[in-house]
Amino acid sequence: EDKGGRHVAMTPELTPTVARMVVAKGQELQKPIKWMST
């Protein structure tokens, strides 16, 4: 629990995060979206 009382996790994988990012931008992103990160 962080100092703001939020229940948080250190990211165990990337897929849920990038799914959240795609949803956040929605139709603004040109398809196909091709992303990578290390």
PDB file of all heavy atoms in Angstrom:
ATOM      1  N   GLU A   1       0.859  -1.173   0.000  1.00  0.00           N
ATOM      2  CA  GLU A   1       0.000   0.000   0.000  1.00  0.00           C
ATOM      3  C   GLU A   1       0.900   1.229   0.000  1.00  0.00           C
ATOM      4  O   GLU A   1       1.762   1.376   0.866  1.00  0.00           O
ATOM      5  CB  GLU A   1      -0.902   0.000   1.221  1.00  0.00           C
ATOM      6  CG  GLU A   1      -1.927   1.127   1.225  1.00  0.00           C
ATOM      7  CD  GLU A   1      -2.882   1.030   2.385  1.00  0.00           C
ATOM      8  OE1 GLU A   1      -3.681   0.068   2.413  1.00  0.00           O
ATOM      9  OE2 GLU A   1      -2.817   1.913   3.280  1.00  0.00           O
ATOM     10  N   ASP A   2       0.710   2.108  -0.988  1.00  0.00           N
ATOM     11  CA  ASP A   2       1.575   3.289  -1.061  1.00  0.00           C
ATOM     12  C   ASP A   2       1.086   4.360  -0.088  1.00  0.00           C
ATOM     13  O   ASP A   2       0.106   4.172   0.643  1.00  0.00           O
ATOM     14  CB  ASP A   2       1.685   3.798  -2.496  1.00  0.00           C
ATOM     15  CG  ASP A   2       0.408   4.460  -3.009  1.00  0.00           C
ATOM     16  OD1 ASP A   2      -0.548   4.636  -2.231  1.00  0.00           O
ATOM     17  OD2 ASP A   2       0.369   4.807  -4.202  1.00  0.00           O
ATOM     18  N   LYS A   3       1.783   5.495  -0.053  1.00  0.00           N
ATOM     19  CA  LYS A   3       1.480   6.529   0.928  1.00  0.00           C
ATOM     20  C   LYS A   3       0.144   7.203   0.679  1.00  0.00           C
ATOM     21  O   LYS A   3      -0.371   7.911   1.554  1.00  0.00           O
ATOM     22  CB  LYS A   3       2.606   7.564   0.941  1.00  0.00           C
ATOM     23  CG  LYS A   3       3.911   6.983   1.480  1.00  0.00           C
ATOM     24  CD  LYS A   3       5.004   8.027   1.537  1.00  0.00           C
ATOM     25  CE  LYS A   3       6.290   7.418   2.099  1.00  0.00           C
ATOM     26  NZ  LYS A   3       7.391   8.426   2.193  1.00  0.00           N
ATOM     27  N   GLY A   4      -0.417   6.971  -0.511  1.00  0.00           N
ATOM     28  CA  GLY A   4      -1.746   7.499  -0.795  1.00  0.00           C
ATOM     29  C   GLY A   4      -2.847   6.500  -0.510  1.00  0.00           C
ATOM     30  O   GLY A   4      -4.012   6.739  -0.850  1.00  0.00           O
ATOM     31  N   GLY A   5      -2.476   5.354   0.086  1.00  0.00           N
ATOM     32  CA  GLY A   5      -3.457   4.334   0.414  1.00  0.00           C
ATOM     33  C   GLY A   5      -3.862   3.461  -0.753  1.00  0.00           C
ATOM     34  O   GLY A   5      -4.834   2.711  -0.671  1.00  0.00           O
ATOM     35  N   ARG A   6      -3.120   3.545  -1.856  1.00  0.00           N
ATOM     36  CA  ARG A   6      -3.430   2.730  -3.039  1.00  0.00           C
ATOM     37  C   ARG A   6      -2.726   1.377  -2.941  1.00  0.00           C
ATOM     38  O   ARG A   6      -1.555   1.299  -2.539  1.00  0.00           O
ATOM     39  CB  ARG A   6      -3.000   3.467  -4.307  1.00  0.00           C
ATOM     40  CG  ARG A   6      -3.813   4.719  -4.612  1.00  0.00           C
ATOM     41  CD  ARG A   6      -3.189   5.517  -5.755  1.00  0.00           C
ATOM     42  NE  ARG A   6      -1.943   6.144  -5.315  1.00  0.00           N
ATOM     43  CZ  ARG A   6      -1.870   7.404  -4.863  1.00  0.00           C
ATOM     44  NH1 ARG A   6      -2.953   8.148  -4.811  1.00  0.00           N
ATOM     45  NH2 ARG A   6      -0.705   7.904  -4.479  1.00  0.00           N
ATOM     46  N   HIS A   7      -3.429   0.323  -3.326  1.00  0.00           N
ATOM     47  CA  HIS A   7      -2.857  -1.021  -3.340  1.00  0.00           C
ATOM     48  C   HIS A   7      -2.179  -1.227  -4.697  1.00  0.00           C
ATOM     49  O   HIS A   7      -2.856  -1.261  -5.729  1.00  0.00           O
ATOM     50  CB  HIS A   7      -3.955  -2.063  -3.127  1.00  0.00           C
ATOM     51  CG  HIS A   7      -3.420  -3.408  -2.721  1.00  0.00           C
ATOM     52  ND1 HIS A   7      -4.156  -4.558  -2.784  1.00  0.00           N
ATOM     53  CD2 HIS A   7      -2.189  -3.781  -2.249  1.00  0.00           C
ATOM     54  CE1 HIS A   7      -3.430  -5.581  -2.366  1.00  0.00           C
ATOM     55  NE2 HIS A   7      -2.234  -5.135  -2.047  1.00  0.00           N
ATOM     56  N   VAL A   8      -0.858  -1.299  -4.696  1.00  0.00           N
ATOM     57  CA  VAL A   8      -0.110  -1.337  -5.949  1.00  0.00           C
ATOM     58  C   VAL A   8       0.785  -2.577  -5.993  1.00  0.00           C
ATOM     59  O   VAL A   8       1.059  -3.214  -4.977  1.00  0.00           O
ATOM     60  CB  VAL A   8       0.760  -0.064  -6.125  1.00  0.00           C
ATOM     61  CG1 VAL A   8      -0.120   1.174  -6.188  1.00  0.00           C
ATOM     62  CG2 VAL A   8       1.781   0.061  -4.995  1.00  0.00           C
ATOM     63  N   ALA A   9       1.228  -2.897  -7.204  1.00  0.00           N
ATOM     64  CA  ALA A   9       2.113  -4.044  -7.422  1.00  0.00           C
ATOM     65  C   ALA A   9       3.250  -3.633  -8.336  1.00  0.00           C
ATOM     66  O   ALA A   9       3.060  -2.829  -9.262  1.00  0.00           O
ATOM     67  CB  ALA A   9       1.340  -5.209  -8.047  1.00  0.00           C
ATOM     68  N   MET A  10       4.419  -4.174  -8.074  1.00  0.00           N
ATOM     69  CA  MET A  10       5.513  -4.030  -9.027  1.00  0.00           C
ATOM     70  C   MET A  10       5.183  -4.917 -10.215  1.00  0.00           C
ATOM     71  O   MET A  10       4.808  -6.087 -10.048  1.00  0.00           O
ATOM     72  CB  MET A  10       6.834  -4.431  -8.370  1.00  0.00           C
ATOM     73  CG  MET A  10       7.172  -3.565  -7.171  1.00  0.00           C
ATOM     74  SD  MET A  10       8.744  -4.002  -6.372  1.00  0.00           S
ATOM     75  CE  MET A  10       9.914  -3.383  -7.594  1.00  0.00           C
ATOM     76  N   THR A  11       5.301  -4.385 -11.410  1.00  0.00           N
ATOM     77  CA  THR A  11       4.772  -5.055 -12.599  1.00  0.00           C
ATOM     78  C   THR A  11       5.425  -6.417 -12.822  1.00  0.00           C
ATOM     79  O   THR A  11       6.638  -6.508 -12.975  1.00  0.00           O
ATOM     80  CB  THR A  11       4.970  -4.194 -13.850  1.00  0.00           C
ATOM     81  OG1 THR A  11       6.324  -3.711 -13.866  1.00  0.00           O
ATOM     82  CG2 THR A  11       4.047  -3.004 -13.831  1.00  0.00           C
ATOM     83  N   PRO A  12       4.621  -7.499 -12.879  1.00  0.00           N
ATOM     84  CA  PRO A  12       5.158  -8.844 -13.089  1.00  0.00           C
ATOM     85  C   PRO A  12       5.278  -9.232 -14.558  1.00  0.00           C
ATOM     86  O   PRO A  12       5.905 -10.227 -14.897  1.00  0.00           O
ATOM     87  CB  PRO A  12       4.131  -9.728 -12.390  1.00  0.00           C
ATOM     88  CG  PRO A  12       2.837  -8.990 -12.611  1.00  0.00           C
ATOM     89  CD  PRO A  12       3.188  -7.522 -12.552  1.00  0.00           C
ATOM     90  N   GLU A  13       4.642  -8.473 -15.434  1.00  0.00           N
ATOM     91  CA  GLU A  13       4.685  -8.715 -16.869  1.00  0.00           C
ATOM     92  C   GLU A  13       4.221  -7.441 -17.566  1.00  0.00           C
ATOM     93  O   GLU A  13       3.697  -6.521 -16.923  1.00  0.00           O
ATOM     94  CB  GLU A  13       3.787  -9.899 -17.265  1.00  0.00           C
ATOM     95  CG  GLU A  13       2.331  -9.688 -16.891  1.00  0.00           C
ATOM     96  CD  GLU A  13       1.408 -10.726 -17.475  1.00  0.00           C
ATOM     97  OE1 GLU A  13       1.580 -11.047 -18.672  1.00  0.00           O
ATOM     98  OE2 GLU A  13       0.518 -11.209 -16.755  1.00  0.00           O
ATOM     99  N   LEU A  14       4.378  -7.399 -18.891  1.00  0.00           N
ATOM    100  CA  LEU A  14       4.060  -6.166 -19.613  1.00  0.00           C
ATOM    101  C   LEU A  14       2.673  -6.169 -20.242  1.00  0.00           C
ATOM    102  O   LEU A  14       2.069  -5.110 -20.409  1.00  0.00           O
ATOM    103  CB  LEU A  14       5.103  -5.914 -20.708  1.00  0.00           C
ATOM    104  CG  LEU A  14       5.021  -4.530 -21.364  1.00  0.00           C
ATOM    105  CD1 LEU A  14       5.401  -3.442 -20.363  1.00  0.00           C
ATOM    106  CD2 LEU A  14       5.909  -4.450 -22.587  1.00  0.00           C
ATOM    107  N   THR A  15       2.145  -7.333 -20.597  1.00  0.00           N
ATOM    108  CA  THR A  15       0.943  -7.381 -21.426  1.00  0.00           C
ATOM    109  C   THR A  15      -0.234  -6.601 -20.838  1.00  0.00           C
ATOM    110  O   THR A  15      -0.881  -5.822 -21.558  1.00  0.00           O
ATOM    111  CB  THR A  15       0.554  -8.835 -21.719  1.00  0.00           C
ATOM    112  OG1 THR A  15       1.674  -9.514 -22.295  1.00  0.00           O
ATOM    113  CG2 THR A  15      -0.610  -8.899 -22.690  1.00  0.00           C
ATOM    114  N   PRO A  16      -0.576  -6.747 -19.542  1.00  0.00           N
ATOM    115  CA  PRO A  16      -1.680  -5.929 -19.023  1.00  0.00           C
ATOM    116  C   PRO A  16      -1.410  -4.432 -19.121  1.00  0.00           C
ATOM    117  O   PRO A  16      -2.323  -3.641 -19.378  1.00  0.00           O
ATOM    118  CB  PRO A  16      -1.791  -6.384 -17.558  1.00  0.00           C
ATOM    119  CG  PRO A  16      -1.254  -7.774 -17.563  1.00  0.00           C
ATOM    120  CD  PRO A  16      -0.116  -7.737 -18.543  1.00  0.00           C
ATOM    121  N   THR A  17      -0.152  -4.033 -18.928  1.00  0.00           N
ATOM    122  CA  THR A  17       0.180  -2.609 -19.014  1.00  0.00           C
ATOM    123  C   THR A  17      -0.029  -2.074 -20.423  1.00  0.00           C
ATOM    124  O   THR A  17      -0.628  -1.006 -20.616  1.00  0.00           O
ATOM    125  CB  THR A  17       1.635  -2.375 -18.562  1.00  0.00           C
ATOM    126  OG1 THR A  17       1.752  -2.672 -17.165  1.00  0.00           O
ATOM    127  CG2 THR A  17       2.052  -0.933 -18.800  1.00  0.00           C
ATOM    128  N   VAL A  18       0.478  -2.805 -21.426  1.00  0.00           N
ATOM    129  CA  VAL A  18       0.302  -2.294 -22.786  1.00  0.00           C
ATOM    130  C   VAL A  18      -1.162  -2.347 -23.202  1.00  0.00           C
ATOM    131  O   VAL A  18      -1.619  -1.500 -23.984  1.00  0.00           O
ATOM    132  CB  VAL A  18       1.201  -3.035 -23.806  1.00  0.00           C
ATOM    133  CG1 VAL A  18       2.660  -2.719 -23.559  1.00  0.00           C
ATOM    134  CG2 VAL A  18       0.973  -4.536 -23.797  1.00  0.00           C
ATOM    135  N   ALA A  19      -1.901  -3.319 -22.678  1.00  0.00           N
ATOM    136  CA  ALA A  19      -3.340  -3.336 -22.945  1.00  0.00           C
ATOM    137  C   ALA A  19      -3.985  -2.069 -22.389  1.00  0.00           C
ATOM    138  O   ALA A  19      -4.806  -1.422 -23.057  1.00  0.00           O
ATOM    139  CB  ALA A  19      -3.976  -4.576 -22.328  1.00  0.00           C
ATOM    140  N   ARG A  20      -3.607  -1.689 -21.162  1.00  0.00           N
ATOM    141  CA  ARG A  20      -4.126  -0.456 -20.572  1.00  0.00           C
ATOM    142  C   ARG A  20      -3.749   0.757 -21.414  1.00  0.00           C
ATOM    143  O   ARG A  20      -4.578   1.666 -21.630  1.00  0.00           O
ATOM    144  CB  ARG A  20      -3.565  -0.315 -19.146  1.00  0.00           C
ATOM    145  CG  ARG A  20      -3.963   0.980 -18.470  1.00  0.00           C
ATOM    146  CD  ARG A  20      -3.312   1.127 -17.106  1.00  0.00           C
ATOM    147  NE  ARG A  20      -1.853   1.092 -17.134  1.00  0.00           N
ATOM    148  CZ  ARG A  20      -1.072   2.055 -17.593  1.00  0.00           C
ATOM    149  NH1 ARG A  20      -1.612   3.163 -18.103  1.00  0.00           N
ATOM    150  NH2 ARG A  20       0.240   1.942 -17.548  1.00  0.00           N
ATOM    151  N   MET A  21      -2.526   0.777 -21.930  1.00  0.00           N
ATOM    152  CA  MET A  21      -2.075   1.911 -22.741  1.00  0.00           C
ATOM    153  C   MET A  21      -2.846   2.008 -24.051  1.00  0.00           C
ATOM    154  O   MET A  21      -3.202   3.105 -24.499  1.00  0.00           O
ATOM    155  CB  MET A  21      -0.576   1.773 -23.016  1.00  0.00           C
ATOM    156  CG  MET A  21       0.285   1.980 -21.782  1.00  0.00           C
ATOM    157  SD  MET A  21       2.043   1.635 -22.079  1.00  0.00           S
ATOM    158  CE  MET A  21       2.461   2.939 -23.247  1.00  0.00           C
ATOM    159  N   VAL A  22      -3.117   0.871 -24.675  1.00  0.00           N
ATOM    160  CA  VAL A  22      -3.881   0.882 -25.923  1.00  0.00           C
ATOM    161  C   VAL A  22      -5.297   1.383 -25.672  1.00  0.00           C
ATOM    162  O   VAL A  22      -5.842   2.193 -26.435  1.00  0.00           O
ATOM    163  CB  VAL A  22      -3.890  -0.518 -26.566  1.00  0.00           C
ATOM    164  CG1 VAL A  22      -4.879  -0.573 -27.734  1.00  0.00           C
ATOM    165  CG2 VAL A  22      -2.494  -0.909 -27.049  1.00  0.00           C
ATOM    166  N   VAL A  23      -5.904   0.913 -24.592  1.00  0.00           N
ATOM    167  CA  VAL A  23      -7.251   1.358 -24.264  1.00  0.00           C
ATOM    168  C   VAL A  23      -7.272   2.861 -24.003  1.00  0.00           C
ATOM    169  O   VAL A  23      -8.185   3.576 -24.435  1.00  0.00           O
ATOM    170  CB  VAL A  23      -7.787   0.584 -23.040  1.00  0.00           C
ATOM    171  CG1 VAL A  23      -9.110   1.182 -22.571  1.00  0.00           C
ATOM    172  CG2 VAL A  23      -7.966  -0.896 -23.381  1.00  0.00           C
ATOM    173  N   ALA A  24      -6.246   3.370 -23.318  1.00  0.00           N
ATOM    174  CA  ALA A  24      -6.215   4.792 -22.948  1.00  0.00           C
ATOM    175  C   ALA A  24      -6.183   5.699 -24.165  1.00  0.00           C
ATOM    176  O   ALA A  24      -6.801   6.765 -24.173  1.00  0.00           O
ATOM    177  CB  ALA A  24      -4.998   5.063 -22.058  1.00  0.00           C
ATOM    178  N   LYS A  25      -5.507   5.284 -25.216  1.00  0.00           N
ATOM    179  CA  LYS A  25      -5.399   6.113 -26.429  1.00  0.00           C
ATOM    180  C   LYS A  25      -6.487   5.807 -27.446  1.00  0.00           C
ATOM    181  O   LYS A  25      -6.799   6.640 -28.306  1.00  0.00           O
ATOM    182  CB  LYS A  25      -4.023   5.917 -27.076  1.00  0.00           C
ATOM    183  CG  LYS A  25      -2.888   6.578 -26.319  1.00  0.00           C
ATOM    184  CD  LYS A  25      -2.937   8.091 -26.432  1.00  0.00           C
ATOM    185  CE  LYS A  25      -1.736   8.738 -25.812  1.00  0.00           C
ATOM    186  NZ  LYS A  25      -1.751  10.209 -25.938  1.00  0.00           N
ATOM    187  N   GLY A  26      -7.027   4.587 -27.384  1.00  0.00           N
ATOM    188  CA  GLY A  26      -8.134   4.224 -28.250  1.00  0.00           C
ATOM    189  C   GLY A  26      -7.862   4.440 -29.725  1.00  0.00           C
ATOM    190  O   GLY A  26      -6.866   3.994 -30.278  1.00  0.00           O
ATOM    191  N   GLN A  27      -8.738   5.199 -30.353  1.00  0.00           N
ATOM    192  CA  GLN A  27      -8.685   5.381 -31.798  1.00  0.00           C
ATOM    193  C   GLN A  27      -7.585   6.351 -32.240  1.00  0.00           C
ATOM    194  O   GLN A  27      -7.362   6.531 -33.437  1.00  0.00           O
ATOM    195  CB  GLN A  27     -10.042   5.879 -32.300  1.00  0.00           C
ATOM    196  CG  GLN A  27     -11.194   4.903 -32.050  1.00  0.00           C
ATOM    197  CD  GLN A  27     -10.930   3.534 -32.635  1.00  0.00           C
ATOM    198  OE1 GLN A  27     -10.557   3.403 -33.806  1.00  0.00           O
ATOM    199  NE2 GLN A  27     -11.109   2.497 -31.824  1.00  0.00           N
ATOM    200  N   GLU A  28      -6.890   6.979 -31.298  1.00  0.00           N
ATOM    201  CA  GLU A  28      -5.816   7.894 -31.674  1.00  0.00           C
ATOM    202  C   GLU A  28      -4.620   7.157 -32.273  1.00  0.00           C
ATOM    203  O   GLU A  28      -3.826   7.742 -33.005  1.00  0.00           O
ATOM    204  CB  GLU A  28      -5.337   8.681 -30.445  1.00  0.00           C
ATOM    205  CG  GLU A  28      -6.383   9.568 -29.811  1.00  0.00           C
ATOM    206  CD  GLU A  28      -5.833  10.243 -28.567  1.00  0.00           C
ATOM    207  OE1 GLU A  28      -4.657  10.669 -28.596  1.00  0.00           O
ATOM    208  OE2 GLU A  28      -6.564  10.316 -27.561  1.00  0.00           O
ATOM    209  N   LEU A  29      -4.482   5.885 -31.952  1.00  0.00           N
ATOM    210  CA  LEU A  29      -3.308   5.117 -32.369  1.00  0.00           C
ATOM    211  C   LEU A  29      -3.509   4.539 -33.765  1.00  0.00           C
ATOM    212  O   LEU A  29      -4.554   3.952 -34.064  1.00  0.00           O
ATOM    213  CB  LEU A  29      -3.044   3.983 -31.373  1.00  0.00           C
ATOM    214  CG  LEU A  29      -2.750   4.437 -29.937  1.00  0.00           C
ATOM    215  CD1 LEU A  29      -2.742   3.242 -28.995  1.00  0.00           C
ATOM    216  CD2 LEU A  29      -1.409   5.164 -29.883  1.00  0.00           C
ATOM    217  N   GLN A  30      -2.516   4.704 -34.612  1.00  0.00           N
ATOM    218  CA  GLN A  30      -2.577   4.152 -35.959  1.00  0.00           C
ATOM    219  C   GLN A  30      -2.344   2.647 -35.917  1.00  0.00           C
ATOM    220  O   GLN A  30      -1.407   2.168 -35.297  1.00  0.00           O
ATOM    221  CB  GLN A  30      -1.512   4.817 -36.838  1.00  0.00           C
ATOM    222  CG  GLN A  30      -1.504   4.316 -38.275  1.00  0.00           C
ATOM    223  CD  GLN A  30      -0.539   5.114 -39.130  1.00  0.00           C
ATOM    224  OE1 GLN A  30      -0.494   6.329 -39.064  1.00  0.00           O
ATOM    225  NE2 GLN A  30       0.247   4.415 -39.930  1.00  0.00           N
ATOM    226  N   LYS A  31      -3.203   1.899 -36.564  1.00  0.00           N
ATOM    227  CA  LYS A  31      -3.120   0.447 -36.568  1.00  0.00           C
ATOM    228  C   LYS A  31      -2.442  -0.053 -37.857  1.00  0.00           C
ATOM    229  O   LYS A  31      -2.612   0.567 -38.905  1.00  0.00           O
ATOM    230  CB  LYS A  31      -4.527  -0.170 -36.473  1.00  0.00           C
ATOM    231  CG  LYS A  31      -5.407   0.410 -35.373  1.00  0.00           C
ATOM    232  CD  LYS A  31      -5.190  -0.229 -34.063  1.00  0.00           C
ATOM    233  CE  LYS A  31      -6.216   0.152 -33.009  1.00  0.00           C
ATOM    234  NZ  LYS A  31      -6.602   1.554 -32.899  1.00  0.00           N
ATOM    235  N   PRO A  32      -1.714  -1.145 -37.795  1.00  0.00           N
ATOM    236  CA  PRO A  32      -1.403  -1.877 -36.572  1.00  0.00           C
ATOM    237  C   PRO A  32      -0.403  -1.126 -35.703  1.00  0.00           C
ATOM    238  O   PRO A  32       0.479  -0.434 -36.207  1.00  0.00           O
ATOM    239  CB  PRO A  32      -0.815  -3.188 -37.084  1.00  0.00           C
ATOM    240  CG  PRO A  32      -0.202  -2.842 -38.399  1.00  0.00           C
ATOM    241  CD  PRO A  32      -1.103  -1.797 -38.996  1.00  0.00           C
ATOM    242  N   ILE A  33      -0.573  -1.281 -34.406  1.00  0.00           N
ATOM    243  CA  ILE A  33       0.349  -0.703 -33.432  1.00  0.00           C
ATOM    244  C   ILE A  33       1.485  -1.704 -33.235  1.00  0.00           C
ATOM    245  O   ILE A  33       1.240  -2.882 -32.967  1.00  0.00           O
ATOM    246  CB  ILE A  33      -0.375  -0.461 -32.090  1.00  0.00           C
ATOM    247  CG1 ILE A  33      -1.625   0.396 -32.308  1.00  0.00           C
ATOM    248  CG2 ILE A  33       0.564   0.140 -31.070  1.00  0.00           C
ATOM    249  CD1 ILE A  33      -2.627   0.278 -31.183  1.00  0.00           C
ATOM    250  N   LYS A  34       2.716  -1.241 -33.362  1.00  0.00           N
ATOM    251  CA  LYS A  34       3.868  -2.130 -33.215  1.00  0.00           C
ATOM    252  C   LYS A  34       4.810  -1.533 -32.172  1.00  0.00           C
ATOM    253  O   LYS A  34       5.486  -0.551 -32.432  1.00  0.00           O
ATOM    254  CB  LYS A  34       4.575  -2.321 -34.561  1.00  0.00           C
ATOM    255  CG  LYS A  34       3.679  -2.974 -35.614  1.00  0.00           C
ATOM    256  CD  LYS A  34       4.323  -3.002 -36.986  1.00  0.00           C
ATOM    257  CE  LYS A  34       5.506  -3.927 -37.019  1.00  0.00           C
ATOM    258  NZ  LYS A  34       6.037  -4.083 -38.398  1.00  0.00           N
ATOM    259  N   TRP A  35       4.816  -2.141 -30.995  1.00  0.00           N
ATOM    260  CA  TRP A  35       5.562  -1.609 -29.863  1.00  0.00           C
ATOM    261  C   TRP A  35       6.590  -2.611 -29.364  1.00  0.00           C
ATOM    262  O   TRP A  35       6.396  -3.835 -29.460  1.00  0.00           O
ATOM    263  CB  TRP A  35       4.611  -1.283 -28.716  1.00  0.00           C
ATOM    264  CG  TRP A  35       3.801  -0.044 -28.921  1.00  0.00           C
ATOM    265  CD1 TRP A  35       3.962   0.922 -29.868  1.00  0.00           C
ATOM    266  CD2 TRP A  35       2.673   0.368 -28.136  1.00  0.00           C
ATOM    267  NE1 TRP A  35       3.026   1.913 -29.714  1.00  0.00           N
ATOM    268  CE2 TRP A  35       2.217   1.608 -28.670  1.00  0.00           C
ATOM    269  CE3 TRP A  35       2.016  -0.175 -27.036  1.00  0.00           C
ATOM    270  CZ2 TRP A  35       1.131   2.287 -28.137  1.00  0.00           C
ATOM    271  CZ3 TRP A  35       0.934   0.501 -26.498  1.00  0.00           C
ATOM    272  CH2 TRP A  35       0.488   1.724 -27.049  1.00  0.00           C
ATOM    273  N   MET A  36       7.668  -2.075 -28.791  1.00  0.00           N
ATOM    274  CA  MET A  36       8.651  -2.930 -28.136  1.00  0.00           C
ATOM    275  C   MET A  36       9.261  -2.182 -26.959  1.00  0.00           C
ATOM    276  O   MET A  36       9.273  -0.951 -26.924  1.00  0.00           O
ATOM    277  CB  MET A  36       9.744  -3.389 -29.121  1.00  0.00           C
ATOM    278  CG  MET A  36      10.644  -2.299 -29.644  1.00  0.00           C
ATOM    279  SD  MET A  36      12.144  -2.077 -28.680  1.00  0.00           S
ATOM    280  CE  MET A  36      13.043  -0.956 -29.778  1.00  0.00           C
ATOM    281  N   SER A  37       9.762  -2.935 -25.986  1.00  0.00           N
ATOM    282  CA  SER A  37      10.478  -2.330 -24.857  1.00  0.00           C
ATOM    283  C   SER A  37      11.303  -3.397 -24.155  1.00  0.00           C
ATOM    284  O   SER A  37      10.993  -4.590 -24.225  1.00  0.00           O
ATOM    285  CB  SER A  37       9.504  -1.687 -23.862  1.00  0.00           C
ATOM    286  OG  SER A  37       8.778  -2.669 -23.154  1.00  0.00           O
ATOM    287  N   THR A  38      12.355  -2.939 -23.479  1.00  0.00           N
ATOM    288  CA  THR A  38      13.172  -3.797 -22.628  1.00  0.00           C
ATOM    289  C   THR A  38      13.171  -3.201 -21.236  1.00  0.00           C
ATOM    290  O   THR A  38      13.452  -2.012 -21.076  1.00  0.00           O
ATOM    291  CB  THR A  38      14.615  -3.880 -23.149  1.00  0.00           C
ATOM    292  OG1 THR A  38      14.624  -4.478 -24.450  1.00  0.00           O
ATOM    293  CG2 THR A  38      15.481  -4.727 -22.215  1.00  0.00           C
TER     294      THR A  38
END
